[in-house]
Amino acid sequence: MGCTIKEFAQHFADEWVAAWNSHDLKKILSHYTDDFEMSSPYIAQVTGEPSSILKGKKAVRAYWQKGLALNPALHFELLNILLGVDSITLYYRSSRGNVTEVFFFNSSNQVMKAAAHYE
């Protein structure tokens, strides 16, 4: 990798926030493995999936596409980055208030699992 975990986390956070703020699904999804797993309390509301867990880019793409359509003014502001073991947590402000999202990375530094938490 050639950089510290802190440098990697800052680079990931900057790219991730910029991708979301551009509303470009291709850029957003570029951070994730094809089979990644996403959990969020909003998944059940938007998709009807009672477990609030989606697996794979196809399912998550459809969810995020609906979410962006429902919230065209969506904008994230990064507040803090927390470091873990093979994971980072981003603490950010969105139109729904403050959010933490935990990202678990594979050996290629792509997200294989993510979990969003809302106030």
PDB file of N, CA and C in Angstrom:
ATOM      1  N   MET A   1       0.834  -1.189   0.000  1.00  0.00           N
ATOM      2  CA  MET A   1       0.000   0.000   0.000  1.00  0.00           C
ATOM      3  C   MET A   1       0.875   1.247   0.000  1.00  0.00           C
ATOM      4  N   GLY A   2       1.957   1.274   0.804  1.00  0.00           N
ATOM      5  CA  GLY A   2       2.867   2.399   0.770  1.00  0.00           C
ATOM      6  C   GLY A   2       2.461   3.599   1.600  1.00  0.00           C
ATOM      7  N   CYS A   3       1.378   3.521   2.359  1.00  0.00           N
ATOM      8  CA  CYS A   3       0.980   4.636   3.208  1.00  0.00           C
ATOM      9  C   CYS A   3       0.495   4.085   4.542  1.00  0.00           C
ATOM     10  N   THR A   4       0.402   4.961   5.519  1.00  0.00           N
ATOM     11  CA  THR A   4      -0.078   4.531   6.827  1.00  0.00           C
ATOM     12  C   THR A   4      -1.592   4.315   6.778  1.00  0.00           C
ATOM     13  N   ILE A   5      -2.120   3.636   7.780  1.00  0.00           N
ATOM     14  CA  ILE A   5      -3.569   3.432   7.860  1.00  0.00           C
ATOM     15  C   ILE A   5      -4.284   4.777   7.966  1.00  0.00           C
ATOM     16  N   LYS A   6      -3.676   5.713   8.660  1.00  0.00           N
ATOM     17  CA  LYS A   6      -4.291   7.037   8.788  1.00  0.00           C
ATOM     18  C   LYS A   6      -4.350   7.745   7.434  1.00  0.00           C
ATOM     19  N   GLU A   7      -3.279   7.652   6.664  1.00  0.00           N
ATOM     20  CA  GLU A   7      -3.258   8.254   5.321  1.00  0.00           C
ATOM     21  C   GLU A   7      -4.267   7.564   4.406  1.00  0.00           C
ATOM     22  N   PHE A   8      -4.304   6.229   4.468  1.00  0.00           N
ATOM     23  CA  PHE A   8      -5.271   5.485   3.663  1.00  0.00           C
ATOM     24  C   PHE A   8      -6.695   5.896   4.029  1.00  0.00           C
ATOM     25  N   ALA A   9      -6.970   5.973   5.328  1.00  0.00           N
ATOM     26  CA  ALA A   9      -8.318   6.317   5.792  1.00  0.00           C
ATOM     27  C   ALA A   9      -8.720   7.712   5.315  1.00  0.00           C
ATOM     28  N   GLN A  10      -7.800   8.674   5.382  1.00  0.00           N
ATOM     29  CA  GLN A  10      -8.102  10.026   4.932  1.00  0.00           C
ATOM     30  C   GLN A  10      -8.371  10.047   3.427  1.00  0.00           C
ATOM     31  N   HIS A  11      -7.550   9.332   2.680  1.00  0.00           N
ATOM     32  CA  HIS A  11      -7.731   9.266   1.220  1.00  0.00           C
ATOM     33  C   HIS A  11      -9.076   8.614   0.877  1.00  0.00           C
ATOM     34  N   PHE A  12      -9.380   7.498   1.528  1.00  0.00           N
ATOM     35  CA  PHE A  12     -10.656   6.820   1.296  1.00  0.00           C
ATOM     36  C   PHE A  12     -11.821   7.750   1.630  1.00  0.00           C
ATOM     37  N   ALA A  13     -11.760   8.382   2.793  1.00  0.00           N
ATOM     38  CA  ALA A  13     -12.845   9.263   3.237  1.00  0.00           C
ATOM     39  C   ALA A  13     -13.065  10.408   2.257  1.00  0.00           C
ATOM     40  N   ASP A  14     -11.979  11.030   1.817  1.00  0.00           N
ATOM     41  CA  ASP A  14     -12.099  12.139   0.874  1.00  0.00           C
ATOM     42  C   ASP A  14     -12.742  11.687  -0.435  1.00  0.00           C
ATOM     43  N   GLU A  15     -12.272  10.557  -0.967  1.00  0.00           N
ATOM     44  CA  GLU A  15     -12.833  10.030  -2.218  1.00  0.00           C
ATOM     45  C   GLU A  15     -14.284   9.615  -2.045  1.00  0.00           C
ATOM     46  N   TRP A  16     -14.591   8.959  -0.932  1.00  0.00           N
ATOM     47  CA  TRP A  16     -15.936   8.441  -0.685  1.00  0.00           C
ATOM     48  C   TRP A  16     -16.941   9.581  -0.557  1.00  0.00           C
ATOM     49  N   VAL A  17     -16.603  10.603   0.228  1.00  0.00           N
ATOM     50  CA  VAL A  17     -17.493  11.753   0.402  1.00  0.00           C
ATOM     51  C   VAL A  17     -17.684  12.472  -0.935  1.00  0.00           C
ATOM     52  N   ALA A  18     -16.598  12.674  -1.680  1.00  0.00           N
ATOM     53  CA  ALA A  18     -16.702  13.346  -2.983  1.00  0.00           C
ATOM     54  C   ALA A  18     -17.593  12.550  -3.937  1.00  0.00           C
ATOM     55  N   ALA A  19     -17.465  11.235  -3.934  1.00  0.00           N
ATOM     56  CA  ALA A  19     -18.298  10.395  -4.805  1.00  0.00           C
ATOM     57  C   ALA A  19     -19.770  10.539  -4.442  1.00  0.00           C
ATOM     58  N   TRP A  20     -20.075  10.466  -3.157  1.00  0.00           N
ATOM     59  CA  TRP A  20     -21.472  10.635  -2.737  1.00  0.00           C
ATOM     60  C   TRP A  20     -21.999  12.031  -3.068  1.00  0.00           C
ATOM     61  N   ASN A  21     -21.195  13.037  -2.840  1.00  0.00           N
ATOM     62  CA  ASN A  21     -21.644  14.402  -3.106  1.00  0.00           C
ATOM     63  C   ASN A  21     -21.830  14.666  -4.598  1.00  0.00           C
ATOM     64  N   SER A  22     -21.170  13.867  -5.449  1.00  0.00           N
ATOM     65  CA  SER A  22     -21.362  13.988  -6.895  1.00  0.00           C
ATOM     66  C   SER A  22     -22.602  13.221  -7.367  1.00  0.00           C
ATOM     67  N   HIS A  23     -23.134  12.348  -6.497  1.00  0.00           N
ATOM     68  CA  HIS A  23     -24.294  11.486  -6.808  1.00  0.00           C
ATOM     69  C   HIS A  23     -23.996  10.542  -7.964  1.00  0.00           C
ATOM     70  N   ASP A  24     -22.725  10.218  -8.182  1.00  0.00           N
ATOM     71  CA  ASP A  24     -22.287   9.341  -9.269  1.00  0.00           C
ATOM     72  C   ASP A  24     -22.168   7.913  -8.734  1.00  0.00           C
ATOM     73  N   LEU A  25     -23.161   7.081  -9.049  1.00  0.00           N
ATOM     74  CA  LEU A  25     -23.182   5.713  -8.518  1.00  0.00           C
ATOM     75  C   LEU A  25     -21.957   4.903  -8.933  1.00  0.00           C
ATOM     76  N   LYS A  26     -21.459   5.121 -10.136  1.00  0.00           N
ATOM     77  CA  LYS A  26     -20.270   4.387 -10.577  1.00  0.00           C
ATOM     78  C   LYS A  26     -19.084   4.708  -9.671  1.00  0.00           C
ATOM     79  N   LYS A  27     -18.881   5.989  -9.366  1.00  0.00           N
ATOM     80  CA  LYS A  27     -17.791   6.395  -8.465  1.00  0.00           C
ATOM     81  C   LYS A  27     -18.027   5.850  -7.058  1.00  0.00           C
ATOM     82  N   ILE A  28     -19.256   5.929  -6.583  1.00  0.00           N
ATOM     83  CA  ILE A  28     -19.580   5.434  -5.244  1.00  0.00           C
ATOM     84  C   ILE A  28     -19.267   3.944  -5.147  1.00  0.00           C
ATOM     85  N   LEU A  29     -19.769   3.172  -6.105  1.00  0.00           N
ATOM     86  CA  LEU A  29     -19.620   1.714  -6.065  1.00  0.00           C
ATOM     87  C   LEU A  29     -18.196   1.244  -6.325  1.00  0.00           C
ATOM     88  N   SER A  30     -17.346   2.114  -6.858  1.00  0.00           N
ATOM     89  CA  SER A  30     -15.958   1.722  -7.149  1.00  0.00           C
ATOM     90  C   SER A  30     -15.176   1.373  -5.880  1.00  0.00           C
ATOM     91  N   HIS A  31     -15.658   1.761  -4.735  1.00  0.00           N
ATOM     92  CA  HIS A  31     -14.970   1.494  -3.470  1.00  0.00           C
ATOM     93  C   HIS A  31     -15.276   0.111  -2.899  1.00  0.00           C
ATOM     94  N   TYR A  32     -16.188  -0.630  -3.515  1.00  0.00           N
ATOM     95  CA  TYR A  32     -16.728  -1.850  -2.931  1.00  0.00           C
ATOM     96  C   TYR A  32     -16.431  -3.081  -3.781  1.00  0.00           C
ATOM     97  N   THR A  33     -16.330  -4.243  -3.112  1.00  0.00           N
ATOM     98  CA  THR A  33     -16.224  -5.511  -3.828  1.00  0.00           C
ATOM     99  C   THR A  33     -17.570  -5.836  -4.466  1.00  0.00           C
ATOM    100  N   ASP A  34     -17.557  -6.720  -5.449  1.00  0.00           N
ATOM    101  CA  ASP A  34     -18.809  -7.084  -6.137  1.00  0.00           C
ATOM    102  C   ASP A  34     -19.811  -7.745  -5.205  1.00  0.00           C
ATOM    103  N   ASP A  35     -19.308  -8.443  -4.184  1.00  0.00           N
ATOM    104  CA  ASP A  35     -20.198  -9.203  -3.291  1.00  0.00           C
ATOM    105  C   ASP A  35     -20.327  -8.575  -1.906  1.00  0.00           C
ATOM    106  N   PHE A  36     -20.045  -7.282  -1.791  1.00  0.00           N
ATOM    107  CA  PHE A  36     -20.059  -6.663  -0.466  1.00  0.00           C
ATOM    108  C   PHE A  36     -21.456  -6.687   0.153  1.00  0.00           C
ATOM    109  N   GLU A  37     -21.457  -6.536   1.470  1.00  0.00           N
ATOM    110  CA  GLU A  37     -22.699  -6.560   2.250  1.00  0.00           C
ATOM    111  C   GLU A  37     -22.899  -5.199   2.902  1.00  0.00           C
ATOM    112  N   MET A  38     -24.116  -4.691   2.805  1.00  0.00           N
ATOM    113  CA  MET A  38     -24.459  -3.382   3.363  1.00  0.00           C
ATOM    114  C   MET A  38     -25.622  -3.529   4.321  1.00  0.00           C
ATOM    115  N   SER A  39     -25.503  -2.917   5.498  1.00  0.00           N
ATOM    116  CA  SER A  39     -26.634  -2.889   6.416  1.00  0.00           C
ATOM    117  C   SER A  39     -26.934  -1.445   6.805  1.00  0.00           C
ATOM    118  N   SER A  40     -28.219  -1.153   6.885  1.00  0.00           N
ATOM    119  CA  SER A  40     -28.685   0.182   7.244  1.00  0.00           C
ATOM    120  C   SER A  40     -30.140   0.075   7.679  1.00  0.00           C
ATOM    121  N   PRO A  41     -30.534   0.821   8.697  1.00  0.00           N
ATOM    122  CA  PRO A  41     -31.936   0.789   9.099  1.00  0.00           C
ATOM    123  C   PRO A  41     -32.876   1.286   8.002  1.00  0.00           C
ATOM    124  N   TYR A  42     -32.364   2.046   7.027  1.00  0.00           N
ATOM    125  CA  TYR A  42     -33.215   2.567   5.959  1.00  0.00           C
ATOM    126  C   TYR A  42     -33.464   1.557   4.841  1.00  0.00           C
ATOM    127  N   ILE A  43     -32.696   0.481   4.800  1.00  0.00           N
ATOM    128  CA  ILE A  43     -32.887  -0.527   3.751  1.00  0.00           C
ATOM    129  C   ILE A  43     -34.297  -1.092   3.797  1.00  0.00           C
ATOM    130  N   ALA A  44     -34.795  -1.412   4.979  1.00  0.00           N
ATOM    131  CA  ALA A  44     -36.152  -1.976   5.098  1.00  0.00           C
ATOM    132  C   ALA A  44     -37.196  -0.995   4.584  1.00  0.00           C
ATOM    133  N   GLN A  45     -37.034   0.285   4.896  1.00  0.00           N
ATOM    134  CA  GLN A  45     -37.997   1.302   4.463  1.00  0.00           C
ATOM    135  C   GLN A  45     -37.994   1.486   2.947  1.00  0.00           C
ATOM    136  N   VAL A  46     -36.808   1.509   2.351  1.00  0.00           N
ATOM    137  CA  VAL A  46     -36.682   1.823   0.928  1.00  0.00           C
ATOM    138  C   VAL A  46     -36.935   0.602   0.044  1.00  0.00           C
ATOM    139  N   THR A  47     -36.468  -0.580   0.491  1.00  0.00           N
ATOM    140  CA  THR A  47     -36.546  -1.774  -0.365  1.00  0.00           C
ATOM    141  C   THR A  47     -37.575  -2.795   0.091  1.00  0.00           C
ATOM    142  N   GLY A  48     -37.992  -2.714   1.349  1.00  0.00           N
ATOM    143  CA  GLY A  48     -38.887  -3.729   1.886  1.00  0.00           C
ATOM    144  C   GLY A  48     -38.165  -4.959   2.399  1.00  0.00           C
ATOM    145  N   GLU A  49     -36.839  -4.967   2.362  1.00  0.00           N
ATOM    146  CA  GLU A  49     -36.039  -6.089   2.853  1.00  0.00           C
ATOM    147  C   GLU A  49     -36.048  -6.047   4.388  1.00  0.00           C
ATOM    148  N   PRO A  50     -36.753  -6.991   5.043  1.00  0.00           N
ATOM    149  CA  PRO A  50     -36.934  -6.909   6.495  1.00  0.00           C
ATOM    150  C   PRO A  50     -35.650  -7.038   7.316  1.00  0.00           C
ATOM    151  N   SER A  51     -34.612  -7.682   6.767  1.00  0.00           N
ATOM    152  CA  SER A  51     -33.362  -7.846   7.516  1.00  0.00           C
ATOM    153  C   SER A  51     -32.539  -6.562   7.551  1.00  0.00           C
ATOM    154  N   SER A  52     -32.857  -5.601   6.690  1.00  0.00           N
ATOM    155  CA  SER A  52     -32.087  -4.360   6.533  1.00  0.00           C
ATOM    156  C   SER A  52     -30.655  -4.616   6.095  1.00  0.00           C
ATOM    157  N   ILE A  53     -30.442  -5.754   5.412  1.00  0.00           N
ATOM    158  CA  ILE A  53     -29.124  -6.123   4.895  1.00  0.00           C
ATOM    159  C   ILE A  53     -29.261  -6.458   3.416  1.00  0.00           C
ATOM    160  N   LEU A  54     -28.357  -5.909   2.608  1.00  0.00           N
ATOM    161  CA  LEU A  54     -28.308  -6.225   1.183  1.00  0.00           C
ATOM    162  C   LEU A  54     -26.942  -6.796   0.855  1.00  0.00           C
ATOM    163  N   LYS A  55     -26.905  -7.719  -0.101  1.00  0.00           N
ATOM    164  CA  LYS A  55     -25.643  -8.340  -0.508  1.00  0.00           C
ATOM    165  C   LYS A  55     -25.462  -8.177  -2.006  1.00  0.00           C
ATOM    166  N   GLY A  56     -24.275  -7.688  -2.389  1.00  0.00           N
ATOM    167  CA  GLY A  56     -23.907  -7.555  -3.783  1.00  0.00           C
ATOM    168  C   GLY A  56     -24.189  -6.175  -4.352  1.00  0.00           C
ATOM    169  N   LYS A  57     -23.357  -5.786  -5.325  1.00  0.00           N
ATOM    170  CA  LYS A  57     -23.471  -4.457  -5.924  1.00  0.00           C
ATOM    171  C   LYS A  57     -24.811  -4.233  -6.600  1.00  0.00           C
ATOM    172  N   LYS A  58     -25.365  -5.264  -7.230  1.00  0.00           N
ATOM    173  CA  LYS A  58     -26.629  -5.083  -7.946  1.00  0.00           C
ATOM    174  C   LYS A  58     -27.735  -4.649  -6.984  1.00  0.00           C
ATOM    175  N   ALA A  59     -27.852  -5.341  -5.871  1.00  0.00           N
ATOM    176  CA  ALA A  59     -28.898  -5.021  -4.891  1.00  0.00           C
ATOM    177  C   ALA A  59     -28.649  -3.659  -4.247  1.00  0.00           C
ATOM    178  N   VAL A  60     -27.403  -3.381  -3.886  1.00  0.00           N
ATOM    179  CA  VAL A  60     -27.086  -2.115  -3.224  1.00  0.00           C
ATOM    180  C   VAL A  60     -27.218  -0.953  -4.207  1.00  0.00           C
ATOM    181  N   ARG A  61     -26.824  -1.172  -5.463  1.00  0.00           N
ATOM    182  CA  ARG A  61     -26.972  -0.127  -6.478  1.00  0.00           C
ATOM    183  C   ARG A  61     -28.435   0.298  -6.585  1.00  0.00           C
ATOM    184  N   ALA A  62     -29.346  -0.655  -6.645  1.00  0.00           N
ATOM    185  CA  ALA A  62     -30.780  -0.339  -6.745  1.00  0.00           C
ATOM    186  C   ALA A  62     -31.253   0.446  -5.517  1.00  0.00           C
ATOM    187  N   TYR A  63     -30.802   0.047  -4.345  1.00  0.00           N
ATOM    188  CA  TYR A  63     -31.159   0.733  -3.102  1.00  0.00           C
ATOM    189  C   TYR A  63     -30.641   2.172  -3.110  1.00  0.00           C
ATOM    190  N   TRP A  64     -29.348   2.345  -3.433  1.00  0.00           N
ATOM    191  CA  TRP A  64     -28.768   3.679  -3.438  1.00  0.00           C
ATOM    192  C   TRP A  64     -29.369   4.553  -4.541  1.00  0.00           C
ATOM    193  N   GLN A  65     -29.713   3.950  -5.657  1.00  0.00           N
ATOM    194  CA  GLN A  65     -30.346   4.704  -6.742  1.00  0.00           C
ATOM    195  C   GLN A  65     -31.689   5.270  -6.274  1.00  0.00           C
ATOM    196  N   LYS A  66     -32.471   4.444  -5.574  1.00  0.00           N
ATOM    197  CA  LYS A  66     -33.743   4.924  -5.020  1.00  0.00           C
ATOM    198  C   LYS A  66     -33.502   5.999  -3.969  1.00  0.00           C
ATOM    199  N   GLY A  67     -32.502   5.779  -3.111  1.00  0.00           N
ATOM    200  CA  GLY A  67     -32.194   6.743  -2.061  1.00  0.00           C
ATOM    201  C   GLY A  67     -31.787   8.098  -2.617  1.00  0.00           C
ATOM    202  N   LEU A  68     -30.972   8.094  -3.657  1.00  0.00           N
ATOM    203  CA  LEU A  68     -30.567   9.359  -4.277  1.00  0.00           C
ATOM    204  C   LEU A  68     -31.752  10.044  -4.942  1.00  0.00           C
ATOM    205  N   ALA A  69     -32.637   9.272  -5.537  1.00  0.00           N
ATOM    206  CA  ALA A  69     -33.833   9.858  -6.165  1.00  0.00           C
ATOM    207  C   ALA A  69     -34.757  10.471  -5.112  1.00  0.00           C
ATOM    208  N   LEU A  70     -34.851   9.825  -3.949  1.00  0.00           N
ATOM    209  CA  LEU A  70     -35.697  10.336  -2.870  1.00  0.00           C
ATOM    210  C   LEU A  70     -35.093  11.557  -2.179  1.00  0.00           C
ATOM    211  N   ASN A  71     -33.779  11.724  -2.306  1.00  0.00           N
ATOM    212  CA  ASN A  71     -33.086  12.814  -1.629  1.00  0.00           C
ATOM    213  C   ASN A  71     -32.099  13.486  -2.590  1.00  0.00           C
ATOM    214  N   PRO A  72     -32.602  14.239  -3.580  1.00  0.00           N
ATOM    215  CA  PRO A  72     -31.718  14.832  -4.585  1.00  0.00           C
ATOM    216  C   PRO A  72     -30.748  15.881  -4.028  1.00  0.00           C
ATOM    217  N   ALA A  73     -31.003  16.393  -2.857  1.00  0.00           N
ATOM    218  CA  ALA A  73     -30.102  17.378  -2.240  1.00  0.00           C
ATOM    219  C   ALA A  73     -29.099  16.718  -1.293  1.00  0.00           C
ATOM    220  N   LEU A  74     -28.984  15.393  -1.341  1.00  0.00           N
ATOM    221  CA  LEU A  74     -28.079  14.673  -0.442  1.00  0.00           C
ATOM    222  C   LEU A  74     -26.670  15.245  -0.508  1.00  0.00           C
ATOM    223  N   HIS A  75     -26.115  15.524   0.663  1.00  0.00           N
ATOM    224  CA  HIS A  75     -24.758  16.065   0.760  1.00  0.00           C
ATOM    225  C   HIS A  75     -24.154  15.588   2.078  1.00  0.00           C
ATOM    226  N   PHE A  76     -22.915  15.107   2.013  1.00  0.00           N
ATOM    227  CA  PHE A  76     -22.217  14.646   3.201  1.00  0.00           C
ATOM    228  C   PHE A  76     -21.108  15.626   3.560  1.00  0.00           C
ATOM    229  N   GLU A  77     -20.926  15.825   4.868  1.00  0.00           N
ATOM    230  CA  GLU A  77     -19.824  16.626   5.394  1.00  0.00           C
ATOM    231  C   GLU A  77     -19.072  15.772   6.401  1.00  0.00           C
ATOM    232  N   LEU A  78     -17.824  15.446   6.098  1.00  0.00           N
ATOM    233  CA  LEU A  78     -17.015  14.596   6.962  1.00  0.00           C
ATOM    234  C   LEU A  78     -16.692  15.324   8.261  1.00  0.00           C
ATOM    235  N   LEU A  79     -16.960  14.660   9.389  1.00  0.00           N
ATOM    236  CA  LEU A  79     -16.687  15.239  10.700  1.00  0.00           C
ATOM    237  C   LEU A  79     -15.470  14.609  11.373  1.00  0.00           C
ATOM    238  N   ASN A  80     -15.295  13.274  11.174  1.00  0.00           N
ATOM    239  CA  ASN A  80     -14.181  12.600  11.828  1.00  0.00           C
ATOM    240  C   ASN A  80     -13.964  11.234  11.195  1.00  0.00           C
ATOM    241  N   ILE A  81     -12.766  10.706  11.376  1.00  0.00           N
ATOM    242  CA  ILE A  81     -12.394   9.376  10.903  1.00  0.00           C
ATOM    243  C   ILE A  81     -11.850   8.607  12.089  1.00  0.00           C
ATOM    244  N   LEU A  82     -12.371   7.407  12.305  1.00  0.00           N
ATOM    245  CA  LEU A  82     -11.902   6.535  13.387  1.00  0.00           C
ATOM    246  C   LEU A  82     -11.265   5.298  12.761  1.00  0.00           C
ATOM    247  N   LEU A  83     -10.129   4.868  13.323  1.00  0.00           N
ATOM    248  CA  LEU A  83      -9.370   3.753  12.765  1.00  0.00           C
ATOM    249  C   LEU A  83      -9.617   2.482  13.561  1.00  0.00           C
ATOM    250  N   GLY A  84      -9.702   1.353  12.851  1.00  0.00           N
ATOM    251  CA  GLY A  84      -9.873   0.058  13.486  1.00  0.00           C
ATOM    252  C   GLY A  84      -8.947  -0.962  12.850  1.00  0.00           C
ATOM    253  N   VAL A  85      -9.205  -2.241  13.096  1.00  0.00           N
ATOM    254  CA  VAL A  85      -8.441  -3.327  12.506  1.00  0.00           C
ATOM    255  C   VAL A  85      -9.120  -3.712  11.198  1.00  0.00           C
ATOM    256  N   ASP A  86      -8.440  -3.492  10.086  1.00  0.00           N
ATOM    257  CA  ASP A  86      -9.010  -3.739   8.754  1.00  0.00           C
ATOM    258  C   ASP A  86     -10.335  -3.013   8.561  1.00  0.00           C
ATOM    259  N   SER A  87     -10.512  -1.915   9.277  1.00  0.00           N
ATOM    260  CA  SER A  87     -11.761  -1.162   9.172  1.00  0.00           C
ATOM    261  C   SER A  87     -11.522   0.299   9.531  1.00  0.00           C
ATOM    262  N   ILE A  88     -12.421   1.130   9.033  1.00  0.00           N
ATOM    263  CA  ILE A  88     -12.462   2.524   9.452  1.00  0.00           C
ATOM    264  C   ILE A  88     -13.923   2.901   9.653  1.00  0.00           C
ATOM    265  N   THR A  89     -14.133   3.900  10.470  1.00  0.00           N
ATOM    266  CA  THR A  89     -15.466   4.444  10.687  1.00  0.00           C
ATOM    267  C   THR A  89     -15.439   5.908  10.294  1.00  0.00           C
ATOM    268  N   LEU A  90     -16.386   6.288   9.450  1.00  0.00           N
ATOM    269  CA  LEU A  90     -16.540   7.689   9.089  1.00  0.00           C
ATOM    270  C   LEU A  90     -17.712   8.243   9.874  1.00  0.00           C
ATOM    271  N   TYR A  91     -17.487   9.389  10.465  1.00  0.00           N
ATOM    272  CA  TYR A  91     -18.526  10.116  11.181  1.00  0.00           C
ATOM    273  C   TYR A  91     -18.798  11.350  10.344  1.00  0.00           C
ATOM    274  N   TYR A  92     -20.031  11.472   9.850  1.00  0.00           N
ATOM    275  CA  TYR A  92     -20.340  12.565   8.940  1.00  0.00           C
ATOM    276  C   TYR A  92     -21.746  13.083   9.162  1.00  0.00           C
ATOM    277  N   ARG A  93     -21.984  14.270   8.628  1.00  0.00           N
ATOM    278  CA  ARG A  93     -23.299  14.899   8.697  1.00  0.00           C
ATOM    279  C   ARG A  93     -23.949  14.764   7.333  1.00  0.00           C
ATOM    280  N   SER A  94     -25.222  14.398   7.354  1.00  0.00           N
ATOM    281  CA  SER A  94     -26.001  14.324   6.116  1.00  0.00           C
ATOM    282  C   SER A  94     -27.324  15.041   6.346  1.00  0.00           C
ATOM    283  N   SER A  95     -28.178  14.992   5.361  1.00  0.00           N
ATOM    284  CA  SER A  95     -29.481  15.642   5.490  1.00  0.00           C
ATOM    285  C   SER A  95     -30.337  14.994   6.574  1.00  0.00           C
ATOM    286  N   ARG A  96     -29.987  13.780   6.993  1.00  0.00           N
ATOM    287  CA  ARG A  96     -30.723  13.078   8.048  1.00  0.00           C
ATOM    288  C   ARG A  96     -30.087  13.275   9.413  1.00  0.00           C
ATOM    289  N   GLY A  97     -29.076  14.092   9.494  1.00  0.00           N
ATOM    290  CA  GLY A  97     -28.379  14.298  10.761  1.00  0.00           C
ATOM    291  C   GLY A  97     -27.019  13.637  10.732  1.00  0.00           C
ATOM    292  N   ASN A  98     -26.471  13.373  11.902  1.00  0.00           N
ATOM    293  CA  ASN A  98     -25.149  12.771  12.001  1.00  0.00           C
ATOM    294  C   ASN A  98     -25.236  11.263  11.817  1.00  0.00           C
ATOM    295  N   VAL A  99     -24.214  10.737  11.142  1.00  0.00           N
ATOM    296  CA  VAL A  99     -24.172   9.320  10.772  1.00  0.00           C
ATOM    297  C   VAL A  99     -22.788   8.778  11.076  1.00  0.00           C
ATOM    298  N   THR A 100     -22.716   7.528  11.507  1.00  0.00           N
ATOM    299  CA  THR A 100     -21.446   6.806  11.507  1.00  0.00           C
ATOM    300  C   THR A 100     -21.623   5.631  10.560  1.00  0.00           C
ATOM    301  N   GLU A 101     -20.569   5.377   9.812  1.00  0.00           N
ATOM    302  CA  GLU A 101     -20.591   4.234   8.907  1.00  0.00           C
ATOM    303  C   GLU A 101     -19.267   3.502   9.069  1.00  0.00           C
ATOM    304  N   VAL A 102     -19.363   2.201   9.331  1.00  0.00           N
ATOM    305  CA  VAL A 102     -18.191   1.363   9.536  1.00  0.00           C
ATOM    306  C   VAL A 102     -17.930   0.599   8.245  1.00  0.00           C
ATOM    307  N   PHE A 103     -16.677   0.634   7.790  1.00  0.00           N
ATOM    308  CA  PHE A 103     -16.266  -0.023   6.553  1.00  0.00           C
ATOM    309  C   PHE A 103     -15.210  -1.076   6.870  1.00  0.00           C
ATOM    310  N   PHE A 104     -15.435  -2.300   6.414  1.00  0.00           N
ATOM    311  CA  PHE A 104     -14.476  -3.388   6.580  1.00  0.00           C
ATOM    312  C   PHE A 104     -13.834  -3.660   5.220  1.00  0.00           C
ATOM    313  N   PHE A 105     -12.502  -3.702   5.190  1.00  0.00           N
ATOM    314  CA  PHE A 105     -11.750  -3.788   3.943  1.00  0.00           C
ATOM    315  C   PHE A 105     -11.121  -5.163   3.742  1.00  0.00           C
ATOM    316  N   ASN A 106     -11.007  -5.562   2.472  1.00  0.00           N
ATOM    317  CA  ASN A 106     -10.279  -6.783   2.143  1.00  0.00           C
ATOM    318  C   ASN A 106      -8.809  -6.423   1.919  1.00  0.00           C
ATOM    319  N   SER A 107      -7.997  -7.398   1.514  1.00  0.00           N
ATOM    320  CA  SER A 107      -6.564  -7.169   1.338  1.00  0.00           C
ATOM    321  C   SER A 107      -6.254  -6.254   0.155  1.00  0.00           C
ATOM    322  N   SER A 108      -7.232  -6.018  -0.723  1.00  0.00           N
ATOM    323  CA  SER A 108      -7.066  -5.101  -1.856  1.00  0.00           C
ATOM    324  C   SER A 108      -7.583  -3.697  -1.539  1.00  0.00           C
ATOM    325  N   ASN A 109      -7.881  -3.458  -0.277  1.00  0.00           N
ATOM    326  CA  ASN A 109      -8.380  -2.154   0.199  1.00  0.00           C
ATOM    327  C   ASN A 109      -9.711  -1.762  -0.422  1.00  0.00           C
ATOM    328  N   GLN A 110     -10.541  -2.751  -0.698  1.00  0.00           N
ATOM    329  CA  GLN A 110     -11.906  -2.488  -1.125  1.00  0.00           C
ATOM    330  C   GLN A 110     -12.843  -2.872   0.011  1.00  0.00           C
ATOM    331  N   VAL A 111     -13.966  -2.182   0.089  1.00  0.00           N
ATOM    332  CA  VAL A 111     -14.942  -2.447   1.147  1.00  0.00           C
ATOM    333  C   VAL A 111     -15.670  -3.749   0.837  1.00  0.00           C
ATOM    334  N   MET A 112     -15.661  -4.665   1.813  1.00  0.00           N
ATOM    335  CA  MET A 112     -16.385  -5.921   1.651  1.00  0.00           C
ATOM    336  C   MET A 112     -17.646  -5.963   2.516  1.00  0.00           C
ATOM    337  N   LYS A 113     -17.697  -5.045   3.496  1.00  0.00           N
ATOM    338  CA  LYS A 113     -18.868  -4.962   4.362  1.00  0.00           C
ATOM    339  C   LYS A 113     -18.948  -3.545   4.918  1.00  0.00           C
ATOM    340  N   ALA A 114     -20.178  -3.032   5.009  1.00  0.00           N
ATOM    341  CA  ALA A 114     -20.377  -1.699   5.568  1.00  0.00           C
ATOM    342  C   ALA A 114     -21.671  -1.683   6.364  1.00  0.00           C
ATOM    343  N   ALA A 115     -21.665  -0.891   7.429  1.00  0.00           N
ATOM    344  CA  ALA A 115     -22.848  -0.772   8.274  1.00  0.00           C
ATOM    345  C   ALA A 115     -23.038   0.694   8.653  1.00  0.00           C
ATOM    346  N   ALA A 116     -24.224   1.231   8.347  1.00  0.00           N
ATOM    347  CA  ALA A 116     -24.543   2.621   8.641  1.00  0.00           C
ATOM    348  C   ALA A 116     -25.360   2.706   9.932  1.00  0.00           C
ATOM    349  N   HIS A 117     -25.079   3.751  10.710  1.00  0.00           N
ATOM    350  CA  HIS A 117     -25.761   3.986  11.981  1.00  0.00           C
ATOM    351  C   HIS A 117     -26.200   5.452  12.035  1.00  0.00           C
ATOM    352  N   TYR A 118     -27.453   5.684  12.386  1.00  0.00           N
ATOM    353  CA  TYR A 118     -28.011   7.027  12.363  1.00  0.00           C
ATOM    354  C   TYR A 118     -28.452   7.447  13.758  1.00  0.00           C
ATOM    355  N   GLU A 119     -28.507   8.764  13.976  1.00  0.00           N
ATOM    356  CA  GLU A 119     -29.011   9.300  15.241  1.00  0.00           C
ATOM    357  C   GLU A 119     -30.484   9.049  15.335  1.00  0.00           C
TER     358      GLU A 119
END
